[in-house]
Amino acid sequence: MSKILTVCNQKGGTSKSTSVVNLGAALQLMGKKVLIVDMDPQGDASTYLGFDDENADTISQMIERFIRGEQIDLHDIIQVSEKNGGVEYIPADLSLAGAEMYLVSVMSRETVLRRLLSTIRDEYDYILIDCQPSLGVLVLNALVAADGAIIPAQTQEFSRKALKAITDIIGQVQATINPNLKLLGILPTMVDNTAMSKDTRKVFEDNYGELVFPMNISRSVTAAYSSKEKKALCFKANSKLGEEYRQFADEVVRRITA
């Protein structure tokens, strides 16, 4: 059965987009059919996957037409990332920044993305949603649409407050609109050998226990090069980060199907 996973954190710079793309690539390598939905106006996941058509429609136009009651077909905007094993994706651009403004008066505005994705979700094994660093209506839409939530968290002091905020929001969504939403876990990212990094991971484990994924995503410049080349780390031979993301994908599958 198809699973929708949202990757979110109100704090920026936590490797959300990198984690979404590499999780998607790792799942594709496992023989799963994957769709990545970019719900961040910065469009980093879209760029990573190779999107460069300034004239193409994006998720923003689909949302706007949908709430006007127009008939739409998401297949019209789905792109294929050939460098990443044929992972499919729905791109985003800066026009999505205005979505919160035109969603504000929409009936059941927090369910728009869920209703949109319901038309195609059965075509995929996994749909991954990349969120902007906020707690606004776009992130709420992503959580309401999802079966599972993953929180990438950089191992530094400032991450602790942001973690509480996003886990509180997830708890509110579980208690109200989407009781089937499961917090799959917290993924420590940009981990290095400093005392701060090690201490922060321990704080995560003290506060969240087994919700913290057992693997780390290391701090490495290869992540930036991978994004520039528009090719996921999982497809690079002897890549330490690629192996970490493959292990992460294995654990995600285990947790979502448990």
Protein backbone atom coordinates (compact mmCIF):
# COMPACT_ATOMS: atom_id res chain seq x y z
CA MET A 1 0.00 0.00 0.00
CA SER A 2 1.27 3.46 -0.90
CA LYS A 3 2.86 5.50 1.91
CA ILE A 4 3.17 9.27 2.07
CA LEU A 5 6.07 10.57 4.17
CA THR A 6 6.63 14.20 5.14
CA VAL A 7 10.11 15.49 5.95
CA CYS A 8 9.87 18.63 8.05
CA ASN A 9 11.49 20.91 10.60
CA GLN A 10 10.77 24.56 11.28
CA LYS A 11 14.52 25.21 11.47
CA GLY A 12 16.40 25.79 8.25
CA GLY A 13 19.74 24.24 7.36
CA THR A 14 18.96 20.75 8.64
CA SER A 15 19.48 18.89 5.34
CA LYS A 16 15.75 18.42 4.68
CA SER A 17 15.97 18.61 0.90
CA THR A 18 19.17 16.56 0.75
CA SER A 19 17.55 13.92 2.93
CA VAL A 20 14.37 13.82 0.84
CA VAL A 21 16.24 13.40 -2.45
CA ASN A 22 18.61 10.78 -1.09
CA LEU A 23 15.86 8.88 0.71
CA GLY A 24 13.90 8.85 -2.54
CA ALA A 25 16.91 7.66 -4.51
CA ALA A 26 17.66 4.92 -1.97
CA LEU A 27 14.05 3.72 -2.06
CA GLN A 28 14.18 3.71 -5.86
CA LEU A 29 17.31 1.54 -5.67
CA MET A 30 15.30 -0.87 -3.51
CA GLY A 31 12.85 -1.30 -6.37
CA LYS A 32 10.20 1.08 -5.05
CA LYS A 33 8.37 3.56 -7.24
CA VAL A 34 8.91 7.00 -5.73
CA LEU A 35 7.41 10.46 -6.17
CA ILE A 36 8.95 13.49 -4.49
CA VAL A 37 6.67 16.48 -3.91
CA ASP A 38 8.49 19.77 -3.37
CA MET A 39 6.46 21.98 -1.01
CA ASP A 40 9.24 24.48 -0.35
CA PRO A 41 9.16 27.77 -2.31
CA GLN A 42 12.97 27.71 -2.39
CA GLY A 43 12.69 24.65 -4.62
CA ASP A 44 15.96 23.09 -3.46
CA ALA A 45 14.74 19.51 -3.94
CA SER A 46 13.52 20.40 -7.44
CA THR A 47 16.89 21.90 -8.35
CA TYR A 48 18.71 18.89 -6.91
CA LEU A 49 16.57 16.62 -9.10
CA GLY A 50 17.40 18.64 -12.21
CA PHE A 51 14.41 20.97 -12.63
CA ASP A 52 15.35 24.02 -14.72
CA ASP A 53 12.30 24.87 -16.84
CA GLU A 54 11.21 28.39 -15.89
CA ASN A 55 8.09 28.09 -18.05
CA ALA A 56 6.82 24.80 -16.59
CA ASP A 57 3.89 24.68 -14.20
CA THR A 58 4.66 23.70 -10.61
CA ILE A 59 2.75 22.62 -7.51
CA SER A 60 1.78 26.24 -6.88
CA GLN A 61 -0.29 26.50 -10.07
CA MET A 62 -1.94 23.15 -9.36
CA ILE A 63 -2.98 24.24 -5.87
CA GLU A 64 -4.33 27.54 -7.13
CA ARG A 65 -6.39 25.89 -9.88
CA PHE A 66 -7.63 23.19 -7.55
CA ILE A 67 -9.01 25.64 -5.00
CA ARG A 68 -10.74 27.53 -7.82
CA GLY A 69 -12.60 24.32 -8.61
CA GLU A 70 -10.88 23.64 -11.92
CA GLN A 71 -10.28 20.11 -13.18
CA ILE A 72 -6.57 19.35 -12.93
CA ASP A 73 -4.28 16.42 -13.59
CA LEU A 74 -1.08 16.21 -11.55
CA HIS A 75 0.46 14.04 -14.27
CA ASP A 76 0.76 17.25 -16.30
CA ILE A 77 3.50 18.58 -14.02
CA ILE A 78 5.30 15.41 -12.92
CA GLN A 79 8.95 15.41 -13.94
CA VAL A 80 11.41 12.49 -14.16
CA SER A 81 14.95 12.75 -12.76
CA GLU A 82 16.98 10.56 -15.10
CA LYS A 83 20.20 11.04 -13.12
CA ASN A 84 18.48 9.68 -10.04
CA GLY A 85 17.21 6.33 -11.20
CA GLY A 86 13.99 7.69 -12.70
CA VAL A 87 12.66 9.17 -9.47
CA GLU A 88 9.59 11.24 -10.33
CA TYR A 89 8.91 14.60 -8.77
CA ILE A 90 6.49 17.51 -8.63
CA PRO A 91 8.52 20.73 -8.69
CA ALA A 92 8.12 23.95 -6.74
CA ASP A 93 9.26 27.50 -7.31
CA LEU A 94 9.03 30.88 -5.59
CA SER A 95 5.39 31.33 -6.62
CA LEU A 96 4.53 28.83 -3.88
CA ALA A 97 5.43 31.52 -1.34
CA GLY A 98 2.06 33.13 -2.04
CA ALA A 99 0.14 29.93 -1.32
CA GLU A 100 -0.48 30.70 2.34
CA MET A 101 -2.13 33.97 1.29
CA TYR A 102 -4.58 32.42 -1.18
CA LEU A 103 -5.21 29.37 1.01
CA VAL A 104 -6.29 31.43 3.99
CA SER A 105 -9.93 31.71 2.94
CA VAL A 106 -10.29 28.20 1.51
CA MET A 107 -12.63 25.71 3.13
CA SER A 108 -10.66 22.84 4.73
CA ARG A 109 -7.45 24.53 3.61
CA GLU A 110 -5.30 22.11 5.61
CA THR A 111 -6.52 19.16 3.48
CA VAL A 112 -5.83 20.58 0.01
CA LEU A 113 -2.63 18.61 -0.58
CA ARG A 114 -4.17 15.39 0.73
CA ARG A 115 -7.05 15.77 -1.70
CA LEU A 116 -4.69 16.54 -4.56
CA LEU A 117 -2.42 13.57 -3.90
CA SER A 118 -5.36 11.19 -3.50
CA THR A 119 -5.74 11.22 -7.29
CA ILE A 120 -2.29 9.69 -7.88
CA ARG A 121 -1.08 8.12 -4.62
CA ASP A 122 -1.91 4.55 -5.64
CA GLU A 123 0.54 4.81 -8.54
CA TYR A 124 3.51 4.96 -6.16
CA ASP A 125 5.02 2.94 -3.35
CA TYR A 126 6.28 6.06 -1.60
CA ILE A 127 5.46 9.74 -1.92
CA LEU A 128 7.95 11.99 -0.11
CA ILE A 129 7.09 15.61 0.70
CA ASP A 130 9.84 18.18 1.23
CA CYS A 131 8.68 21.06 3.45
CA GLN A 132 9.81 24.62 3.91
CA PRO A 133 11.35 25.59 7.29
CA SER A 134 8.21 26.92 8.95
CA LEU A 135 5.08 25.89 10.84
CA GLY A 136 2.65 27.45 8.38
CA VAL A 137 -0.26 26.15 6.33
CA LEU A 138 1.95 24.47 3.71
CA VAL A 139 3.66 22.35 6.35
CA LEU A 140 0.28 21.64 7.94
CA ASN A 141 -0.97 20.43 4.55
CA ALA A 142 2.03 18.12 4.26
CA LEU A 143 1.41 16.62 7.71
CA VAL A 144 -2.31 16.15 7.12
CA ALA A 145 -1.54 14.33 3.85
CA ALA A 146 1.07 12.03 5.39
CA ASP A 147 1.19 8.57 6.91
CA GLY A 148 4.54 9.30 8.52
CA ALA A 149 6.71 12.25 9.50
CA ILE A 150 10.51 12.43 9.63
CA ILE A 151 12.40 15.27 11.31
CA PRO A 152 16.00 15.90 10.18
CA ALA A 153 17.76 17.69 13.04
CA GLN A 154 21.22 19.19 12.91
CA THR A 155 23.28 18.16 15.93
CA GLN A 156 23.72 21.60 17.46
CA GLU A 157 22.28 23.42 20.46
CA PHE A 158 19.76 25.50 18.52
CA SER A 159 18.03 22.36 17.21
CA ARG A 160 16.50 21.46 20.56
CA LYS A 161 13.92 24.27 20.66
CA ALA A 162 12.93 23.71 17.02
CA LEU A 163 12.45 19.99 17.71
CA LYS A 164 9.98 20.69 20.47
CA ALA A 165 8.01 23.06 18.23
CA ILE A 166 7.68 20.63 15.32
CA THR A 167 6.90 17.62 17.53
CA ASP A 168 4.20 19.68 19.26
CA ILE A 169 2.63 20.49 15.87
CA ILE A 170 2.78 16.84 14.84
CA GLY A 171 1.06 15.92 18.11
CA GLN A 172 -1.71 18.44 17.44
CA VAL A 173 -2.25 17.08 13.93
CA GLN A 174 -2.41 13.53 15.31
CA ALA A 175 -4.94 14.60 17.93
CA THR A 176 -7.23 16.40 15.49
CA ILE A 177 -7.07 16.16 11.70
CA ASN A 178 -4.88 13.12 11.00
CA PRO A 179 -4.93 10.50 13.76
CA ASN A 180 -3.15 8.04 11.46
CA LEU A 181 -0.01 10.19 11.25
CA LYS A 182 3.00 8.42 12.74
CA LEU A 183 6.17 10.18 13.86
CA LEU A 184 8.72 7.84 12.31
CA GLY A 185 11.69 9.46 13.94
CA ILE A 186 14.35 12.13 14.25
CA LEU A 187 17.33 11.92 11.90
CA PRO A 188 20.57 13.44 13.26
CA THR A 189 22.23 15.33 10.40
CA MET A 190 25.53 17.16 9.83
CA VAL A 191 27.10 14.99 12.51
CA ASP A 192 30.84 15.34 13.13
CA ASN A 193 33.37 14.39 15.77
CA THR A 194 32.97 17.52 17.89
CA ALA A 195 31.84 17.33 21.49
CA MET A 196 28.81 19.51 20.68
CA SER A 197 27.64 17.12 17.99
CA LYS A 198 28.01 14.08 20.22
CA ASP A 199 26.40 15.82 23.20
CA THR A 200 23.46 17.03 21.11
CA ARG A 201 22.77 13.55 19.79
CA LYS A 202 22.75 12.30 23.38
CA VAL A 203 20.26 15.04 24.32
CA PHE A 204 18.04 13.93 21.41
CA GLU A 205 18.18 10.35 22.69
CA ASP A 206 17.52 11.40 26.31
CA ASN A 207 14.44 13.37 25.24
CA TYR A 208 13.07 11.19 22.42
CA GLY A 209 14.50 7.72 23.04
CA GLU A 210 14.06 5.23 20.21
CA LEU A 211 12.46 7.88 18.00
CA VAL A 212 16.04 8.95 17.19
CA PHE A 213 17.23 6.98 14.17
CA PRO A 214 20.22 4.75 15.02
CA MET A 215 22.31 6.08 12.13
CA ASN A 216 23.86 9.52 11.65
CA ILE A 217 24.10 11.59 8.49
CA SER A 218 27.64 12.94 8.54
CA ARG A 219 28.73 16.49 7.82
CA SER A 220 30.51 16.40 4.46
CA VAL A 221 31.20 18.69 1.54
CA THR A 222 30.22 15.84 -0.79
CA ALA A 223 26.57 16.66 -0.09
CA ALA A 224 27.01 20.09 -1.70
CA TYR A 225 28.85 18.60 -4.69
CA SER A 226 26.10 16.03 -5.08
CA SER A 227 23.48 18.76 -5.22
CA LYS A 228 25.52 20.70 -7.77
CA GLU A 229 25.86 17.60 -9.95
CA LYS A 230 22.12 16.91 -9.49
CA LYS A 231 22.88 13.30 -8.62
CA ALA A 232 22.02 11.63 -5.31
CA LEU A 233 24.81 10.33 -3.11
CA CYS A 234 23.33 6.83 -3.26
CA PHE A 235 24.48 6.54 -6.87
CA LYS A 236 28.10 7.41 -6.08
CA ALA A 237 30.52 4.51 -5.61
CA ASN A 238 32.15 4.26 -2.18
CA SER A 239 30.19 7.22 -0.84
CA LYS A 240 30.01 7.21 2.96
CA LEU A 241 27.00 9.53 2.90
CA GLY A 242 25.35 7.40 0.26
CA GLU A 243 25.70 4.33 2.46
CA GLU A 244 24.30 6.25 5.43
CA TYR A 245 21.23 7.21 3.40
CA ARG A 246 20.76 3.63 2.20
CA GLN A 247 20.79 2.46 5.82
CA PHE A 248 18.35 5.24 6.66
CA ALA A 249 16.01 4.11 3.86
CA ASP A 250 16.07 0.54 5.18
CA GLU A 251 15.09 1.77 8.64
CA VAL A 252 12.33 4.01 7.28
CA VAL A 253 10.77 1.06 5.45
CA ARG A 254 11.01 -1.04 8.61
CA ARG A 255 9.35 1.63 10.75
CA ILE A 256 6.55 2.59 8.37
CA THR A 257 5.56 -1.05 7.84
CA ALA A 258 5.88 -2.08 11.50
